[in-house]
C-alpha atoms as a PDB file:
ATOM      1  CA  UNK A   1       0.000   0.000   0.000  1.00  0.00           C
ATOM      2  CA  UNK A   2       1.411   3.427  -0.959  1.00  0.00           C
ATOM      3  CA  UNK A   3       2.081   6.288   1.453  1.00  0.00           C
ATOM      4  CA  UNK A   4      -0.674   8.350  -0.186  1.00  0.00           C
ATOM      5  CA  UNK A   5      -3.200   5.548   0.321  1.00  0.00           C
ATOM      6  CA  UNK A   6      -2.150   5.268   3.951  1.00  0.00           C
ATOM      7  CA  UNK A   7      -2.638   9.017   4.375  1.00  0.00           C
ATOM      8  CA  UNK A   8      -6.111   8.873   2.875  1.00  0.00           C
ATOM      9  CA  UNK A   9      -7.023   5.907   5.077  1.00  0.00           C
ATOM     10  CA  UNK A  10      -5.700   7.666   8.180  1.00  0.00           C
ATOM     11  CA  UNK A  11      -7.752  10.783   7.531  1.00  0.00           C
ATOM     12  CA  UNK A  12     -10.821   8.680   6.820  1.00  0.00           C
ATOM     13  CA  UNK A  13     -10.484   6.780  10.098  1.00  0.00           C
ATOM     14  CA  UNK A  14      -9.811   9.992  12.018  1.00  0.00           C
ATOM     15  CA  UNK A  15     -12.886  11.674  10.517  1.00  0.00           C
ATOM     16  CA  UNK A  16     -15.069   8.689  11.336  1.00  0.00           C
ATOM     17  CA  UNK A  17     -13.757   8.530  14.909  1.00  0.00           C
ATOM     18  CA  UNK A  18     -14.473  12.217  15.454  1.00  0.00           C
ATOM     19  CA  UNK A  19     -17.978  11.921  14.012  1.00  0.00           C
ATOM     20  CA  UNK A  20     -18.844   8.885  16.129  1.00  0.00           C
ATOM     21  CA  UNK A  21     -17.604  10.590  19.290  1.00  0.00           C
ATOM     22  CA  UNK A  22     -19.882  13.523  18.571  1.00  0.00           C
ATOM     23  CA  UNK A  23     -22.898  11.288  17.969  1.00  0.00           C
ATOM     24  CA  UNK A  24     -23.496  12.718  14.506  1.00  0.00           C
ATOM     25  CA  UNK A  25     -25.917  11.610  11.851  1.00  0.00           C
ATOM     26  CA  UNK A  26     -25.523  11.976   8.111  1.00  0.00           C
ATOM     27  CA  UNK A  27     -24.916  15.315   6.432  1.00  0.00           C
ATOM     28  CA  UNK A  28     -28.426  15.480   4.976  1.00  0.00           C
ATOM     29  CA  UNK A  29     -29.632  16.619   8.387  1.00  0.00           C
ATOM     30  CA  UNK A  30     -27.761  19.905   8.171  1.00  0.00           C
ATOM     31  CA  UNK A  31     -30.929  21.714   7.145  1.00  0.00           C
ATOM     32  CA  UNK A  32     -29.465  24.059   4.537  1.00  0.00           C
ATOM     33  CA  UNK A  33     -31.213  27.407   4.709  1.00  0.00           C
ATOM     34  CA  UNK A  34     -30.320  28.489   1.176  1.00  0.00           C
ATOM     35  CA  UNK A  35     -30.398  26.906  -2.243  1.00  0.00           C
ATOM     36  CA  UNK A  36     -27.164  25.549  -3.672  1.00  0.00           C
ATOM     37  CA  UNK A  37     -26.979  28.445  -6.129  1.00  0.00           C
ATOM     38  CA  UNK A  38     -27.009  30.935  -3.252  1.00  0.00           C
ATOM     39  CA  UNK A  39     -24.177  29.300  -1.302  1.00  0.00           C
ATOM     40  CA  UNK A  40     -20.551  29.799  -2.337  1.00  0.00           C
ATOM     41  CA  UNK A  41     -18.747  26.573  -3.210  1.00  0.00           C
ATOM     42  CA  UNK A  42     -16.268  26.894  -0.355  1.00  0.00           C
ATOM     43  CA  UNK A  43     -18.932  27.592   2.280  1.00  0.00           C
ATOM     44  CA  UNK A  44     -21.553  25.558   4.103  1.00  0.00           C
ATOM     45  CA  UNK A  45     -24.716  26.776   5.790  1.00  0.00           C
ATOM     46  CA  UNK A  46     -25.863  24.848   8.866  1.00  0.00           C
ATOM     47  CA  UNK A  47     -29.068  25.453  10.784  1.00  0.00           C
ATOM     48  CA  UNK A  48     -28.878  24.908  14.534  1.00  0.00           C
ATOM     49  CA  UNK A  49     -31.994  25.355  16.664  1.00  0.00           C
ATOM     50  CA  UNK A  50     -33.564  27.444  13.918  1.00  0.00           C
ATOM     51  CA  UNK A  51     -30.557  29.728  13.471  1.00  0.00           C
ATOM     52  CA  UNK A  52     -28.496  29.641  10.251  1.00  0.00           C
ATOM     53  CA  UNK A  53     -24.711  29.865  10.541  1.00  0.00           C
ATOM     54  CA  UNK A  54     -22.423  30.047   7.490  1.00  0.00           C
ATOM     55  CA  UNK A  55     -19.066  28.266   7.676  1.00  0.00           C
ATOM     56  CA  UNK A  56     -16.106  28.746   5.365  1.00  0.00           C
ATOM     57  CA  UNK A  57     -13.138  26.626   4.345  1.00  0.00           C
ATOM     58  CA  UNK A  58      -9.545  27.411   5.215  1.00  0.00           C
ATOM     59  CA  UNK A  59      -6.738  27.491   2.668  1.00  0.00           C
ATOM     60  CA  UNK A  60      -5.894  23.948   1.588  1.00  0.00           C
ATOM     61  CA  UNK A  61      -8.829  22.369   3.448  1.00  0.00           C
ATOM     62  CA  UNK A  62     -12.102  21.002   2.072  1.00  0.00           C
ATOM     63  CA  UNK A  63     -15.347  20.017   3.797  1.00  0.00           C
ATOM     64  CA  UNK A  64     -15.837  16.316   4.449  1.00  0.00           C
ATOM     65  CA  UNK A  65     -19.588  15.997   3.903  1.00  0.00           C
ATOM     66  CA  UNK A  66     -19.595  12.258   4.571  1.00  0.00           C
ATOM     67  CA  UNK A  67     -18.435  12.603   8.168  1.00  0.00           C
ATOM     68  CA  UNK A  68     -20.019  15.991   8.917  1.00  0.00           C
ATOM     69  CA  UNK A  69     -23.544  16.097  10.246  1.00  0.00           C
ATOM     70  CA  UNK A  70     -25.930  17.093  12.998  1.00  0.00           C
ATOM     71  CA  UNK A  71     -26.716  15.787  16.458  1.00  0.00           C
ATOM     72  CA  UNK A  72     -28.987  16.757  19.324  1.00  0.00           C
ATOM     73  CA  UNK A  73     -26.350  19.214  20.542  1.00  0.00           C
ATOM     74  CA  UNK A  74     -25.796  21.049  17.262  1.00  0.00           C
ATOM     75  CA  UNK A  75     -23.827  20.733  14.032  1.00  0.00           C
ATOM     76  CA  UNK A  76     -20.475  19.005  13.601  1.00  0.00           C
ATOM     77  CA  UNK A  77     -18.389  19.828  10.526  1.00  0.00           C
ATOM     78  CA  UNK A  78     -15.127  18.197   9.453  1.00  0.00           C
ATOM     79  CA  UNK A  79     -12.503  19.637   7.118  1.00  0.00           C
ATOM     80  CA  UNK A  80      -9.494  17.719   5.870  1.00  0.00           C
ATOM     81  CA  UNK A  81      -6.693  18.471   3.396  1.00  0.00           C
ATOM     82  CA  UNK A  82      -8.065  18.883  -0.119  1.00  0.00           C
ATOM     83  CA  UNK A  83      -4.995  17.057  -1.451  1.00  0.00           C
ATOM     84  CA  UNK A  84      -3.715  14.331   0.888  1.00  0.00           C
ATOM     85  CA  UNK A  85      -0.936  13.499  -1.606  1.00  0.00           C
ATOM     86  CA  UNK A  86       0.724  16.939  -1.363  1.00  0.00           C
ATOM     87  CA  UNK A  87       4.023  17.149   0.490  1.00  0.00           C
ATOM     88  CA  UNK A  88       4.167  20.948   0.316  1.00  0.00           C
ATOM     89  CA  UNK A  89       0.690  21.968   1.502  1.00  0.00           C
ATOM     90  CA  UNK A  90       0.464  23.459   5.015  1.00  0.00           C
ATOM     91  CA  UNK A  91      -2.943  21.766   5.409  1.00  0.00           C
ATOM     92  CA  UNK A  92      -1.834  18.610   7.218  1.00  0.00           C
ATOM     93  CA  UNK A  93      -4.296  18.300  10.072  1.00  0.00           C
ATOM     94  CA  UNK A  94      -7.954  17.692  10.631  1.00  0.00           C
ATOM     95  CA  UNK A  95     -10.251  20.652  11.352  1.00  0.00           C
ATOM     96  CA  UNK A  96     -13.293  20.117  13.570  1.00  0.00           C
ATOM     97  CA  UNK A  97     -16.001  22.775  13.828  1.00  0.00           C
ATOM     98  CA  UNK A  98     -18.886  22.561  16.294  1.00  0.00           C
ATOM     99  CA  UNK A  99     -21.898  24.871  16.332  1.00  0.00           C
ATOM    100  CA  UNK A 100     -23.724  24.284  19.607  1.00  0.00           C
ATOM    101  CA  UNK A 101     -27.469  24.556  20.044  1.00  0.00           C
ATOM    102  CA  UNK A 102     -27.515  25.122  23.804  1.00  0.00           C
ATOM    103  CA  UNK A 103     -25.806  27.938  25.708  1.00  0.00           C
ATOM    104  CA  UNK A 104     -22.488  26.787  27.090  1.00  0.00           C
ATOM    105  CA  UNK A 105     -19.825  29.322  27.913  1.00  0.00           C
ATOM    106  CA  UNK A 106     -21.462  32.392  26.371  1.00  0.00           C
ATOM    107  CA  UNK A 107     -21.797  33.928  29.830  1.00  0.00           C
ATOM    108  CA  UNK A 108     -18.056  33.593  30.380  1.00  0.00           C
ATOM    109  CA  UNK A 109     -17.385  35.138  26.984  1.00  0.00           C
ATOM    110  CA  UNK A 110     -19.808  37.987  27.672  1.00  0.00           C
ATOM    111  CA  UNK A 111     -18.108  38.740  30.989  1.00  0.00           C
ATOM    112  CA  UNK A 112     -14.651  38.543  29.359  1.00  0.00           C
ATOM    113  CA  UNK A 113     -13.614  35.889  31.882  1.00  0.00           C
ATOM    114  CA  UNK A 114     -13.067  32.888  29.646  1.00  0.00           C
ATOM    115  CA  UNK A 115      -9.614  32.350  31.139  1.00  0.00           C
ATOM    116  CA  UNK A 116     -11.140  32.131  34.602  1.00  0.00           C
ATOM    117  CA  UNK A 117     -13.762  29.689  33.348  1.00  0.00           C
ATOM    118  CA  UNK A 118     -11.224  27.329  31.791  1.00  0.00           C
ATOM    119  CA  UNK A 119      -8.980  27.451  34.850  1.00  0.00           C
ATOM    120  CA  UNK A 120     -11.955  26.371  36.994  1.00  0.00           C
ATOM    121  CA  UNK A 121     -12.726  22.720  37.638  1.00  0.00           C
ATOM    122  CA  UNK A 122     -15.876  22.890  35.517  1.00  0.00           C
ATOM    123  CA  UNK A 123     -14.059  24.536  32.627  1.00  0.00           C
ATOM    124  CA  UNK A 124     -11.136  22.106  32.644  1.00  0.00           C
ATOM    125  CA  UNK A 125     -13.563  19.175  32.776  1.00  0.00           C
ATOM    126  CA  UNK A 126     -15.323  20.570  29.689  1.00  0.00           C
ATOM    127  CA  UNK A 127     -11.992  20.558  27.842  1.00  0.00           C
ATOM    128  CA  UNK A 128     -11.045  17.017  28.837  1.00  0.00           C
ATOM    129  CA  UNK A 129     -11.339  13.853  26.808  1.00  0.00           C
ATOM    130  CA  UNK A 130     -13.057  12.044  29.685  1.00  0.00           C
ATOM    131  CA  UNK A 131     -14.453  15.057  31.519  1.00  0.00           C
ATOM    132  CA  UNK A 132     -11.873  14.849  34.297  1.00  0.00           C
ATOM    133  CA  UNK A 133     -10.666  18.264  35.397  1.00  0.00           C
ATOM    134  CA  UNK A 134      -7.583  16.933  37.186  1.00  0.00           C
ATOM    135  CA  UNK A 135      -6.305  15.381  33.938  1.00  0.00           C
ATOM    136  CA  UNK A 136      -6.380  18.617  31.938  1.00  0.00           C
ATOM    137  CA  UNK A 137      -3.745  21.338  32.087  1.00  0.00           C
ATOM    138  CA  UNK A 138      -4.469  24.716  30.523  1.00  0.00           C
ATOM    139  CA  UNK A 139      -1.175  25.784  28.929  1.00  0.00           C
ATOM    140  CA  UNK A 140      -2.368  29.178  27.782  1.00  0.00           C
ATOM    141  CA  UNK A 141      -5.311  31.348  26.776  1.00  0.00           C
ATOM    142  CA  UNK A 142      -5.657  34.439  24.634  1.00  0.00           C
ATOM    143  CA  UNK A 143      -8.498  36.703  23.507  1.00  0.00           C
ATOM    144  CA  UNK A 144      -8.520  38.868  20.412  1.00  0.00           C
ATOM    145  CA  UNK A 145     -11.569  40.649  18.987  1.00  0.00           C
ATOM    146  CA  UNK A 146     -14.125  38.205  20.338  1.00  0.00           C
ATOM    147  CA  UNK A 147     -12.151  35.051  19.573  1.00  0.00           C
ATOM    148  CA  UNK A 148     -10.800  33.053  22.522  1.00  0.00           C
ATOM    149  CA  UNK A 149      -7.848  30.711  22.062  1.00  0.00           C
ATOM    150  CA  UNK A 150      -7.222  27.883  24.544  1.00  0.00           C
ATOM    151  CA  UNK A 151      -4.134  25.636  24.549  1.00  0.00           C
ATOM    152  CA  UNK A 152      -4.414  22.442  26.607  1.00  0.00           C
ATOM    153  CA  UNK A 153      -2.751  19.127  27.371  1.00  0.00           C
ATOM    154  CA  UNK A 154      -4.874  16.131  28.374  1.00  0.00           C
ATOM    155  CA  UNK A 155      -3.166  13.440  30.455  1.00  0.00           C
ATOM    156  CA  UNK A 156      -5.728  10.938  29.176  1.00  0.00           C
ATOM    157  CA  UNK A 157      -4.247  11.332  25.730  1.00  0.00           C
ATOM    158  CA  UNK A 158      -5.807  12.314  22.410  1.00  0.00           C
ATOM    159  CA  UNK A 159      -9.369  11.497  21.393  1.00  0.00           C
ATOM    160  CA  UNK A 160      -8.246  10.467  17.898  1.00  0.00           C
ATOM    161  CA  UNK A 161      -5.427   7.895  17.549  1.00  0.00           C
ATOM    162  CA  UNK A 162      -2.035   9.077  16.267  1.00  0.00           C
ATOM    163  CA  UNK A 163      -2.729  12.713  17.172  1.00  0.00           C
ATOM    164  CA  UNK A 164      -1.145  14.877  19.842  1.00  0.00           C
ATOM    165  CA  UNK A 165      -2.418  15.175  23.424  1.00  0.00           C
ATOM    166  CA  UNK A 166      -1.876  18.939  23.187  1.00  0.00           C
ATOM    167  CA  UNK A 167      -4.669  20.828  21.484  1.00  0.00           C
ATOM    168  CA  UNK A 168      -5.473  24.368  20.411  1.00  0.00           C
ATOM    169  CA  UNK A 169      -9.147  25.376  20.328  1.00  0.00           C
ATOM    170  CA  UNK A 170     -10.948  28.633  19.608  1.00  0.00           C
ATOM    171  CA  UNK A 171     -14.345  29.742  20.890  1.00  0.00           C
ATOM    172  CA  UNK A 172     -16.539  32.564  19.613  1.00  0.00           C
ATOM    173  CA  UNK A 173     -20.214  33.431  19.296  1.00  0.00           C
ATOM    174  CA  UNK A 174     -22.020  33.812  15.960  1.00  0.00           C
ATOM    175  CA  UNK A 175     -25.752  34.549  15.745  1.00  0.00           C
ATOM    176  CA  UNK A 176     -26.153  33.631  19.422  1.00  0.00           C
ATOM    177  CA  UNK A 177     -24.608  30.209  18.807  1.00  0.00           C
ATOM    178  CA  UNK A 178     -21.322  29.095  20.316  1.00  0.00           C
ATOM    179  CA  UNK A 179     -18.823  28.012  17.654  1.00  0.00           C
ATOM    180  CA  UNK A 180     -15.687  26.035  18.446  1.00  0.00           C
ATOM    181  CA  UNK A 181     -12.848  25.267  16.054  1.00  0.00           C
ATOM    182  CA  UNK A 182      -9.950  22.909  16.680  1.00  0.00           C
ATOM    183  CA  UNK A 183      -7.122  21.680  14.461  1.00  0.00           C
ATOM    184  CA  UNK A 184      -6.130  18.076  15.154  1.00  0.00           C
ATOM    185  CA  UNK A 185      -2.369  17.576  14.794  1.00  0.00           C
ATOM    186  CA  UNK A 186      -0.990  14.196  13.632  1.00  0.00           C
ATOM    187  CA  UNK A 187       2.192  12.991  15.358  1.00  0.00           C
ATOM    188  CA  UNK A 188       3.885  11.863  12.124  1.00  0.00           C
ATOM    189  CA  UNK A 189       3.311  15.165  10.293  1.00  0.00           C
ATOM    190  CA  UNK A 190       3.445  17.693  13.103  1.00  0.00           C
ATOM    191  CA  UNK A 191       2.464  21.262  12.434  1.00  0.00           C
ATOM    192  CA  UNK A 192       4.048  23.907  14.699  1.00  0.00           C
ATOM    193  CA  UNK A 193       1.824  25.741  17.173  1.00  0.00           C
ATOM    194  CA  UNK A 194       2.184  28.949  15.181  1.00  0.00           C
ATOM    195  CA  UNK A 195       0.753  27.345  12.039  1.00  0.00           C
ATOM    196  CA  UNK A 196      -2.133  25.739  13.934  1.00  0.00           C
ATOM    197  CA  UNK A 197      -2.881  29.079  15.588  1.00  0.00           C
ATOM    198  CA  UNK A 198      -2.892  30.837  12.205  1.00  0.00           C
ATOM    199  CA  UNK A 199      -5.160  28.236  10.617  1.00  0.00           C
ATOM    200  CA  UNK A 200      -7.709  28.443  13.438  1.00  0.00           C
ATOM    201  CA  UNK A 201      -7.678  32.220  13.360  1.00  0.00           C
ATOM    202  CA  UNK A 202      -8.200  32.205   9.574  1.00  0.00           C
ATOM    203  CA  UNK A 203     -11.222  29.912   9.930  1.00  0.00           C
ATOM    204  CA  UNK A 204     -12.702  31.890  12.831  1.00  0.00           C
ATOM    205  CA  UNK A 205     -12.278  35.255  11.053  1.00  0.00           C
ATOM    206  CA  UNK A 206     -13.846  33.865   7.876  1.00  0.00           C
ATOM    207  CA  UNK A 207     -16.852  32.530   9.787  1.00  0.00           C
ATOM    208  CA  UNK A 208     -17.243  35.877  11.515  1.00  0.00           C
ATOM    209  CA  UNK A 209     -17.119  37.718   8.172  1.00  0.00           C
ATOM    210  CA  UNK A 210     -19.667  35.355   6.590  1.00  0.00           C
ATOM    211  CA  UNK A 211     -22.192  36.018   9.333  1.00  0.00           C
END
């Protein structure tokens, strides 16, 4: 089996694992709020609890409609490298976007105390793979123009096999819905923190501009 086939298989397994963990159903349940002709090719419109939110791709990444879908908690969207055979593309990870139906940490965002929330036991538990606050270490947080960045390490290890236990995530509110974006980093094709940070910021800014 070639390296490119192995890459494609790895991304497929990772996407499926992420989707199963989020309890998603097929992509037909997105509930598109606009006709295909009204939606740009590199965007996706999801409807969560009656509210439409437009998502946009990042450079080098494409939507994985097979593994994206909806659940009782909101919408779950996966993006992977458009070209898994490229050795030069900076798109090497797996992007997970969640649009949540129920209020979560909006109050903490509104009060500009997201750092305090994630340093609390409840906040660290929310970031953990198994919901155990004592297993999660918050390595850093940052806020810039309504986007909150959180860098963590989970002692229980990664959710998806062959990915790093450290994770960057961003949180922001669009149309009264909490949106989270994370870039999953594979151990055999590591992207530096700076690149992951830039990719997440690009996605978050694009989503903000589309809404």
